[in-house]
Protein backbone atom coordinates (compact mmCIF):
# COMPACT_ATOMS: atom_id res chain seq x y z
CA MET A 1 -74.44 40.48 174.70
CA ALA A 2 -73.45 43.66 172.37
CA CYS A 3 -77.00 44.03 171.72
CA PRO A 4 -77.04 47.65 169.87
CA PHE A 5 -80.15 49.21 171.04
CA CYS A 6 -79.38 48.35 174.94
CA ALA A 7 -77.18 50.64 177.41
CA THR A 8 -75.96 47.61 178.76
CA GLY A 9 -74.78 46.14 175.58
CA GLN A 10 -73.30 49.49 174.62
CA GLY A 11 -71.12 49.41 178.22
CA GLY A 12 -69.60 46.20 177.47
CA LEU A 13 -68.64 43.55 180.20
CA LYS A 14 -67.23 44.37 183.73
CA ARG A 15 -67.57 41.57 185.75
CA ASN A 16 -70.23 38.94 186.95
CA LEU A 17 -72.00 39.19 190.20
CA SER A 18 -71.35 36.77 193.11
CA GLN A 19 -74.01 34.75 194.52
CA ALA A 20 -73.85 37.04 197.69
CA GLU A 21 -73.82 40.29 195.69
CA ILE A 22 -77.29 38.95 194.49
CA LEU A 23 -79.06 37.73 197.39
CA ILE A 24 -78.04 40.78 199.23
CA GLN A 25 -80.42 42.89 196.79
CA ALA A 26 -83.17 40.41 197.64
CA LEU A 27 -82.43 40.65 201.22
CA ALA A 28 -82.54 44.48 201.21
CA ALA A 29 -85.67 44.92 199.12
CA ASP A 30 -87.42 41.96 201.53
CA GLN A 31 -86.20 44.44 204.42
CA MET A 32 -87.66 47.72 202.81
CA LEU A 33 -90.89 46.07 202.20
CA LYS A 34 -91.47 44.56 205.79
CA ALA A 35 -90.37 47.94 207.23
CA GLY A 36 -92.99 49.74 205.16
CA VAL A 37 -90.38 52.31 203.63
CA ILE A 38 -91.66 51.39 200.07
CA PRO A 39 -94.77 53.60 199.19
CA SER A 40 -97.89 51.39 198.21
CA ALA A 41 -96.07 48.63 199.23
CA SER A 42 -95.85 46.38 201.76
CA GLY A 43 -95.42 42.91 203.14
CA ARG A 44 -92.61 40.59 201.97
CA LEU A 45 -90.55 39.93 198.82
CA SER A 46 -92.95 37.48 196.38
CA ASN A 47 -91.60 38.17 192.97
CA ILE A 48 -88.01 38.58 191.50
CA VAL A 49 -86.87 39.07 188.20
CA PHE A 50 -83.18 38.31 186.81
CA MET A 51 -83.18 40.76 183.98
CA GLY A 52 -81.46 44.14 183.36
CA MET A 53 -77.75 44.75 183.17
CA GLY A 54 -76.31 41.45 181.75
CA GLU A 55 -77.33 38.13 181.00
CA PRO A 56 -78.25 36.08 183.98
CA LEU A 57 -77.67 32.64 182.19
CA ALA A 58 -73.94 33.49 181.36
CA ASN A 59 -73.45 33.75 185.03
CA TYR A 60 -75.10 30.40 185.56
CA ALA A 61 -73.56 28.90 188.82
CA ALA A 62 -74.44 32.21 190.79
CA VAL A 63 -77.74 32.72 189.63
CA LEU A 64 -78.60 29.09 190.36
CA GLY A 65 -77.24 29.47 193.50
CA ALA A 66 -78.95 32.55 194.36
CA ILE A 67 -82.34 30.79 193.21
CA ARG A 68 -81.91 28.09 195.39
CA SER A 69 -81.07 30.10 198.30
CA LEU A 70 -84.61 32.11 197.37
CA VAL A 71 -86.68 29.20 197.31
CA ALA A 72 -84.89 27.41 200.29
CA PRO A 73 -87.39 27.13 203.46
CA SER A 74 -86.55 29.65 206.12
CA PRO A 75 -84.06 30.21 208.08
CA LYS A 76 -81.58 28.68 205.25
CA GLY A 77 -83.82 30.45 202.46
CA PHE A 78 -86.13 33.13 201.85
CA GLY A 79 -88.83 30.28 201.41
CA MET A 80 -90.18 32.05 198.13
CA SER A 81 -92.23 30.25 195.32
CA ALA A 82 -90.10 29.11 192.49
CA ARG A 83 -93.01 30.51 190.30
CA GLY A 84 -92.51 33.78 191.53
CA ILE A 85 -89.19 33.94 189.98
CA THR A 86 -88.49 34.72 186.35
CA VAL A 87 -84.93 34.25 184.38
CA SER A 88 -84.52 36.18 181.10
CA THR A 89 -81.83 35.28 178.78
CA VAL A 90 -81.26 36.22 175.18
CA GLY A 91 -81.18 32.62 174.25
CA LEU A 92 -78.23 30.73 175.20
CA VAL A 93 -79.46 27.62 173.93
CA PRO A 94 -77.52 24.91 176.06
CA GLN A 95 -77.76 26.66 179.39
CA ILE A 96 -81.76 26.84 178.73
CA GLY A 97 -81.85 22.99 178.67
CA LYS A 98 -79.90 22.76 181.67
CA LEU A 99 -82.03 25.21 183.69
CA ALA A 100 -84.98 22.91 182.26
CA SER A 101 -82.99 19.99 184.23
CA GLU A 102 -82.59 21.58 187.57
CA GLY A 103 -86.52 20.91 188.75
CA LEU A 104 -87.01 24.77 189.64
CA PRO A 105 -90.21 25.62 187.91
CA VAL A 106 -89.04 29.44 187.15
CA THR A 107 -90.57 31.28 184.72
CA LEU A 108 -88.41 31.70 181.52
CA ALA A 109 -88.46 34.80 179.54
CA VAL A 110 -86.73 35.04 176.05
CA SER A 111 -85.77 38.32 174.56
CA LEU A 112 -86.36 37.56 170.94
CA HIS A 113 -86.70 40.83 169.45
CA ALA A 114 -86.93 39.51 165.91
CA PRO A 115 -88.44 36.51 164.24
CA ASP A 116 -86.12 36.09 161.61
CA ASP A 117 -82.24 35.31 161.58
CA GLU A 118 -81.40 38.04 159.34
CA LEU A 119 -82.53 41.12 161.51
CA ARG A 120 -82.09 39.26 164.89
CA ASN A 121 -78.35 38.77 163.69
CA GLU A 122 -78.15 42.43 163.91
CA LEU A 123 -80.41 43.19 167.02
CA VAL A 124 -79.10 40.20 169.26
CA PRO A 125 -75.60 39.36 168.08
CA VAL A 126 -75.48 35.95 169.84
CA ASN A 127 -78.04 34.90 167.36
CA SER A 128 -74.94 33.92 164.96
CA ARG A 129 -74.27 31.14 167.57
CA TRP A 130 -77.85 29.83 168.11
CA SER A 131 -80.52 30.77 165.55
CA VAL A 132 -83.92 32.08 165.94
CA ALA A 133 -85.43 28.09 165.42
CA GLU A 134 -82.95 27.08 167.84
CA VAL A 135 -83.50 29.50 170.66
CA VAL A 136 -87.61 29.25 169.99
CA ASP A 137 -86.86 25.28 170.00
CA ALA A 138 -85.09 25.62 173.27
CA ALA A 139 -87.88 27.92 175.03
CA TRP A 140 -90.51 25.17 173.68
CA GLY A 141 -88.59 22.42 175.54
CA TYR A 142 -88.43 24.16 178.54
CA ALA A 143 -92.08 24.83 178.78
CA ARG A 144 -92.62 21.03 178.16
CA VAL A 145 -90.28 20.10 180.72
CA THR A 146 -91.34 22.26 183.46
CA ARG A 147 -94.90 23.00 182.22
CA ARG A 148 -94.23 26.75 182.68
CA ARG A 149 -95.59 29.25 180.29
CA VAL A 150 -92.64 31.08 178.63
CA SER A 151 -92.39 34.68 178.10
CA ILE A 152 -91.16 35.97 174.55
CA GLU A 153 -90.08 39.47 175.13
CA TYR A 154 -89.89 41.72 172.19
CA ALA A 155 -88.76 45.39 172.18
CA LEU A 156 -90.80 47.22 169.43
CA MET A 157 -88.40 49.57 167.43
CA ARG A 158 -89.64 51.91 164.82
CA GLY A 159 -89.26 50.79 161.57
CA ILE A 160 -86.85 48.07 162.36
CA ASN A 161 -89.16 45.11 163.66
CA ASP A 162 -92.32 46.72 164.31
CA SER A 163 -94.37 45.47 160.80
CA VAL A 164 -97.29 43.62 160.11
CA GLU A 165 -95.53 41.25 158.29
CA ARG A 166 -92.93 40.57 161.11
CA ALA A 167 -95.79 40.13 163.65
CA ASN A 168 -97.18 37.30 161.23
CA LEU A 169 -93.57 35.87 160.90
CA LEU A 170 -93.33 35.94 164.80
CA ALA A 171 -96.74 34.19 164.97
CA ASP A 172 -95.40 31.64 162.56
CA VAL A 173 -92.31 30.76 164.42
CA LEU A 174 -94.04 30.49 167.79
CA LYS A 175 -97.20 28.81 166.74
CA ARG A 176 -95.28 26.04 164.73
CA ARG A 177 -94.13 24.54 167.85
CA GLY A 178 -97.96 23.78 169.27
CA ASP A 179 -101.03 25.59 170.56
CA TRP A 180 -101.65 24.42 174.28
CA GLY A 181 -100.65 27.64 175.32
CA TRP A 182 -96.90 27.22 176.16
CA VAL A 183 -95.99 30.99 175.53
CA HIS A 184 -96.91 34.50 176.08
CA VAL A 185 -95.59 37.29 174.18
CA ASN A 186 -94.67 40.37 175.90
CA LEU A 187 -94.26 43.68 174.02
CA ILE A 188 -92.06 46.37 175.25
CA PRO A 189 -92.17 49.84 173.62
CA LEU A 190 -88.28 50.74 173.62
CA ASN A 191 -86.98 53.17 176.18
CA PRO A 192 -84.12 54.76 173.97
CA THR A 193 -80.75 55.59 174.76
CA PRO A 194 -80.05 59.13 174.01
CA GLY A 195 -78.03 59.59 170.80
CA SER A 196 -79.23 56.11 169.76
CA LYS A 197 -80.36 55.77 166.52
CA TRP A 198 -83.06 52.94 167.82
CA THR A 199 -86.44 54.57 169.21
CA ALA A 200 -89.80 53.29 170.23
CA SER A 201 -92.72 52.73 167.57
CA ARG A 202 -95.28 54.66 167.14
CA PRO A 203 -98.75 54.07 168.83
CA GLU A 204 -100.60 53.04 165.62
CA ASP A 205 -97.80 50.48 164.99
CA GLU A 206 -98.00 49.01 168.53
CA ALA A 207 -101.57 48.64 167.91
CA ALA A 208 -101.44 46.71 164.30
CA PHE A 209 -98.43 44.55 165.77
CA VAL A 210 -100.74 43.66 168.90
CA LYS A 211 -104.01 43.30 166.83
CA THR A 212 -102.27 40.79 164.23
CA LEU A 213 -100.74 38.44 167.02
CA GLU A 214 -104.35 38.34 168.78
CA ARG A 215 -105.85 37.43 165.58
CA ARG A 216 -103.24 34.91 165.10
CA GLY A 217 -104.41 33.29 168.52
CA LEU A 218 -101.35 34.28 170.56
CA PRO A 219 -101.47 35.78 174.04
CA VAL A 220 -99.96 39.06 173.89
CA THR A 221 -99.19 42.03 176.59
CA LEU A 222 -98.15 45.23 175.67
CA ARG A 223 -96.00 46.49 178.44
CA ASP A 224 -96.75 49.92 180.17
CA THR A 225 -94.09 52.79 179.44
CA ARG A 226 -92.45 53.56 182.60
CA GLY A 227 -89.11 54.34 183.79
CA SER A 228 -88.12 56.76 180.97
CA GLU A 229 -87.98 59.83 182.75
CA ILE A 230 -85.39 58.08 185.23
CA ASP A 231 -83.50 56.32 182.72
CA GLY A 232 -84.76 52.98 183.96
CA ALA A 233 -84.10 50.67 180.88
CA CYS A 234 -80.84 47.91 180.84
CA GLY A 235 -77.92 49.67 181.74
CA GLN A 236 -79.17 53.41 181.50
CA LEU A 237 -78.47 54.15 185.04
CA ALA A 238 -75.11 52.60 185.40
CA ALA A 239 -74.39 54.65 181.80
CA GLY A 240 -75.21 57.73 183.18
CA GLU A 241 -73.20 57.42 185.84
CA ALA A 242 -70.15 56.41 183.83
């Protein structure tokens, strides 16, 4: 989706995964869990997030087919709960509406990253097609249909989108749709790409952003910073291999 702060966006589109390629990853993870080869983890696969290298809703048929196989009862499927599956999107509005009609109460995560069109046009170029208001309206509609709380993903970037003013604007945008607990804000300290001008916010700015949202009555989580030492952010491993 060409987001400039994201290694995937910088890498450009290569191709889509097939439904089989998606499912074989889930199968491999499930087998590893059952075999006990993953430290401090055992049992069976119970949670999956469609997120990372690319836009799941731009590969709608394969993603939806994979989800239906994941929730189908054994032996035809994995027998997972749809509530253990999260689908992330930068905000493809028509596909969000389509997903809401599928009868699959998966969690929707919307990568918003900015509460206003001027900044989001720069950070998430697809915003030029669907504005912040349209994306948030689609997310709210998804929550109303599925009765599932939507996660708003917001990568905090130093001096770009991490001011108290933008925190208040984000609260305005989200609370305008209702107060019945339809949304949860997931703040993400940016895992910077080498050579990029985009970098993580200062701890004091993160704290001020969190306090502002909490004061406005929004549930918010600041994600733990993990993965920087292994280039674990979207697209970084692939960029390193390339």
